[in-house]
């Protein structure tokens, strides 16, 4: 029987993985994925997804983070 992987990603990890998958999909659609570039582009996709998440965290104030007006 094949070995199976099980993941218990946190919500933020899932969000970043989904962003990375969309970025990777764009690389695939543009024909940039080859046997030689696949690993590097997966890494690049995750790096870009983390950068997007960090900027969103810095720029966007969520409802739960808002301070009440005085």
N, C-alpha and C. Protein backbone atom coordinates (compact mmCIF):
# COMPACT_ATOMS: atom_id res chain seq x y z
N UNK A 1 0.84 -1.18 0.00
CA UNK A 1 0.00 0.00 0.00
C UNK A 1 0.88 1.24 0.00
N UNK A 2 0.49 2.24 -0.75
CA UNK A 2 1.23 3.49 -0.82
C UNK A 2 1.14 4.24 0.50
N UNK A 3 2.23 4.91 0.85
CA UNK A 3 2.24 5.75 2.04
C UNK A 3 1.39 6.99 1.77
N UNK A 4 0.60 7.40 2.75
CA UNK A 4 -0.25 8.58 2.60
C UNK A 4 0.24 9.69 3.50
N UNK A 5 0.09 10.91 3.01
CA UNK A 5 0.42 12.09 3.80
C UNK A 5 -0.86 12.67 4.35
N UNK A 6 -0.83 13.09 5.59
CA UNK A 6 -1.97 13.75 6.21
C UNK A 6 -1.51 15.12 6.70
N UNK A 7 -2.34 16.12 6.47
CA UNK A 7 -2.01 17.49 6.85
C UNK A 7 -3.10 18.05 7.75
N UNK A 8 -2.69 18.84 8.69
CA UNK A 8 -3.61 19.60 9.53
C UNK A 8 -3.16 21.06 9.48
N UNK A 9 -3.46 21.69 8.35
CA UNK A 9 -3.03 23.07 8.17
C UNK A 9 -3.93 24.02 8.96
N UNK A 10 -3.32 25.04 9.51
CA UNK A 10 -4.06 26.11 10.14
C UNK A 10 -4.73 26.94 9.05
N UNK A 11 -5.73 27.75 9.44
CA UNK A 11 -6.46 28.55 8.45
C UNK A 11 -5.52 29.44 7.64
N UNK A 12 -4.58 30.10 8.30
CA UNK A 12 -3.67 30.99 7.58
C UNK A 12 -2.77 30.21 6.62
N UNK A 13 -2.36 29.01 7.01
CA UNK A 13 -1.54 28.18 6.13
C UNK A 13 -2.33 27.74 4.91
N UNK A 14 -3.58 27.39 5.13
CA UNK A 14 -4.45 27.01 4.01
C UNK A 14 -4.63 28.17 3.05
N UNK A 15 -4.84 29.36 3.59
CA UNK A 15 -5.01 30.54 2.74
C UNK A 15 -3.78 30.79 1.89
N UNK A 16 -2.61 30.71 2.49
CA UNK A 16 -1.37 30.93 1.75
C UNK A 16 -1.15 29.83 0.71
N UNK A 17 -1.48 28.59 1.06
CA UNK A 17 -1.34 27.49 0.09
C UNK A 17 -2.26 27.71 -1.11
N UNK A 18 -3.47 28.21 -0.87
CA UNK A 18 -4.40 28.48 -1.98
C UNK A 18 -3.89 29.61 -2.87
N UNK A 19 -3.34 30.65 -2.27
CA UNK A 19 -2.76 31.74 -3.05
C UNK A 19 -1.59 31.20 -3.89
N UNK A 20 -0.74 30.40 -3.27
CA UNK A 20 0.41 29.83 -3.97
C UNK A 20 -0.04 28.94 -5.12
N UNK A 21 -1.10 28.18 -4.91
CA UNK A 21 -1.62 27.32 -5.97
C UNK A 21 -2.12 28.14 -7.16
N UNK A 22 -2.72 29.28 -6.89
CA UNK A 22 -3.18 30.15 -7.98
C UNK A 22 -2.00 30.73 -8.74
N UNK A 23 -0.97 31.13 -8.01
CA UNK A 23 0.23 31.65 -8.66
C UNK A 23 0.89 30.56 -9.50
N UNK A 24 1.01 29.36 -8.93
CA UNK A 24 1.60 28.24 -9.66
C UNK A 24 0.78 27.90 -10.90
N UNK A 25 -0.52 28.00 -10.79
CA UNK A 25 -1.39 27.77 -11.93
C UNK A 25 -1.09 28.75 -13.06
N UNK A 26 -0.81 29.99 -12.70
CA UNK A 26 -0.46 30.98 -13.72
C UNK A 26 0.87 30.62 -14.39
N UNK A 27 1.84 30.13 -13.61
CA UNK A 27 3.10 29.67 -14.20
C UNK A 27 2.84 28.51 -15.17
N UNK A 28 1.96 27.58 -14.76
CA UNK A 28 1.64 26.43 -15.62
C UNK A 28 0.97 26.91 -16.90
N UNK A 29 -0.01 27.80 -16.76
CA UNK A 29 -0.74 28.31 -17.94
C UNK A 29 0.17 29.05 -18.91
N UNK A 30 1.18 29.69 -18.37
CA UNK A 30 2.09 30.44 -19.23
C UNK A 30 3.19 29.56 -19.83
N UNK A 31 3.20 28.28 -19.49
CA UNK A 31 4.18 27.36 -20.06
C UNK A 31 5.55 27.42 -19.41
N UNK A 32 5.66 28.01 -18.23
CA UNK A 32 6.97 28.16 -17.60
C UNK A 32 7.41 26.93 -16.80
N UNK A 33 6.49 26.00 -16.57
CA UNK A 33 6.83 24.81 -15.78
C UNK A 33 7.46 23.74 -16.68
N UNK A 34 8.65 23.31 -16.29
CA UNK A 34 9.31 22.17 -16.94
C UNK A 34 9.84 21.30 -15.81
N UNK A 35 10.38 20.16 -16.16
CA UNK A 35 10.99 19.30 -15.15
C UNK A 35 12.09 20.00 -14.39
N UNK A 36 12.79 20.90 -15.07
CA UNK A 36 13.90 21.62 -14.44
C UNK A 36 13.44 22.82 -13.60
N UNK A 37 12.28 23.38 -13.92
CA UNK A 37 11.85 24.61 -13.22
C UNK A 37 10.77 24.38 -12.17
N UNK A 38 10.20 23.18 -12.14
CA UNK A 38 9.05 22.93 -11.27
C UNK A 38 9.32 23.26 -9.80
N UNK A 39 10.36 22.71 -9.23
CA UNK A 39 10.64 22.94 -7.81
C UNK A 39 10.88 24.42 -7.51
N UNK A 40 11.66 25.08 -8.36
CA UNK A 40 11.93 26.50 -8.16
C UNK A 40 10.66 27.34 -8.26
N UNK A 41 9.77 26.98 -9.18
CA UNK A 41 8.54 27.76 -9.33
C UNK A 41 7.53 27.48 -8.21
N UNK A 42 7.55 26.28 -7.66
CA UNK A 42 6.74 26.00 -6.46
C UNK A 42 7.24 26.88 -5.31
N UNK A 43 8.56 26.91 -5.12
CA UNK A 43 9.15 27.76 -4.08
C UNK A 43 8.82 29.23 -4.31
N UNK A 44 8.93 29.67 -5.56
CA UNK A 44 8.64 31.07 -5.91
C UNK A 44 7.17 31.38 -5.64
N UNK A 45 6.28 30.45 -5.98
CA UNK A 45 4.85 30.65 -5.75
C UNK A 45 4.56 30.82 -4.26
N UNK A 46 5.16 29.98 -3.44
CA UNK A 46 4.96 30.10 -1.99
C UNK A 46 5.55 31.40 -1.45
N UNK A 47 6.72 31.77 -1.94
CA UNK A 47 7.35 33.02 -1.51
C UNK A 47 6.47 34.22 -1.86
N UNK A 48 5.95 34.23 -3.08
CA UNK A 48 5.07 35.33 -3.50
C UNK A 48 3.78 35.34 -2.67
N UNK A 49 3.23 34.16 -2.39
CA UNK A 49 2.00 34.08 -1.60
C UNK A 49 2.23 34.62 -0.19
N UNK A 50 3.36 34.30 0.39
CA UNK A 50 3.69 34.83 1.73
C UNK A 50 3.86 36.34 1.68
N UNK A 51 4.51 36.84 0.64
CA UNK A 51 4.66 38.30 0.49
C UNK A 51 3.30 38.98 0.37
N UNK A 52 2.39 38.39 -0.39
CA UNK A 52 1.04 38.94 -0.53
C UNK A 52 0.34 38.95 0.83
N UNK A 53 0.43 37.84 1.56
CA UNK A 53 -0.22 37.74 2.87
C UNK A 53 0.36 38.77 3.85
N UNK A 54 1.67 38.96 3.83
CA UNK A 54 2.29 39.95 4.72
C UNK A 54 1.83 41.37 4.38
N UNK A 55 1.78 41.69 3.09
CA UNK A 55 1.31 43.02 2.70
C UNK A 55 -0.14 43.22 3.09
N UNK A 56 -0.96 42.19 2.89
CA UNK A 56 -2.37 42.28 3.27
C UNK A 56 -2.49 42.52 4.77
N UNK A 57 -1.69 41.82 5.55
CA UNK A 57 -1.71 42.00 7.01
C UNK A 57 -1.32 43.43 7.39
N UNK A 58 -0.33 43.97 6.70
CA UNK A 58 0.12 45.34 6.99
C UNK A 58 -0.88 46.39 6.53
N UNK A 59 -1.51 46.19 5.40
CA UNK A 59 -2.34 47.21 4.77
C UNK A 59 -3.81 47.15 5.16
N UNK A 60 -4.30 45.98 5.54
CA UNK A 60 -5.73 45.81 5.77
C UNK A 60 -6.01 45.57 7.24
N UNK A 61 -6.95 46.31 7.77
CA UNK A 61 -7.37 46.13 9.16
C UNK A 61 -8.67 45.34 9.16
N UNK A 62 -8.60 44.13 9.72
CA UNK A 62 -9.80 43.29 9.74
C UNK A 62 -10.79 43.80 10.78
N UNK A 63 -12.01 43.33 10.69
CA UNK A 63 -13.05 43.75 11.64
C UNK A 63 -12.63 43.48 13.07
N UNK A 64 -12.00 42.35 13.32
CA UNK A 64 -11.62 42.00 14.69
C UNK A 64 -10.44 42.83 15.19
N UNK A 65 -9.71 43.48 14.30
CA UNK A 65 -8.58 44.32 14.69
C UNK A 65 -8.95 45.77 14.89
N UNK A 66 -10.13 46.15 14.42
CA UNK A 66 -10.53 47.56 14.49
C UNK A 66 -10.72 48.00 15.93
N UNK A 67 -10.26 49.22 16.17
CA UNK A 67 -10.48 49.80 17.49
C UNK A 67 -11.77 50.61 17.45
N UNK A 68 -12.45 50.60 18.54
CA UNK A 68 -13.71 51.32 18.60
C UNK A 68 -13.44 52.81 18.72
N UNK A 69 -14.21 53.63 18.00
CA UNK A 69 -14.00 55.08 18.11
C UNK A 69 -14.38 55.56 19.52
N UNK A 70 -13.68 56.58 19.93
CA UNK A 70 -13.94 57.14 21.28
C UNK A 70 -14.96 58.23 21.22
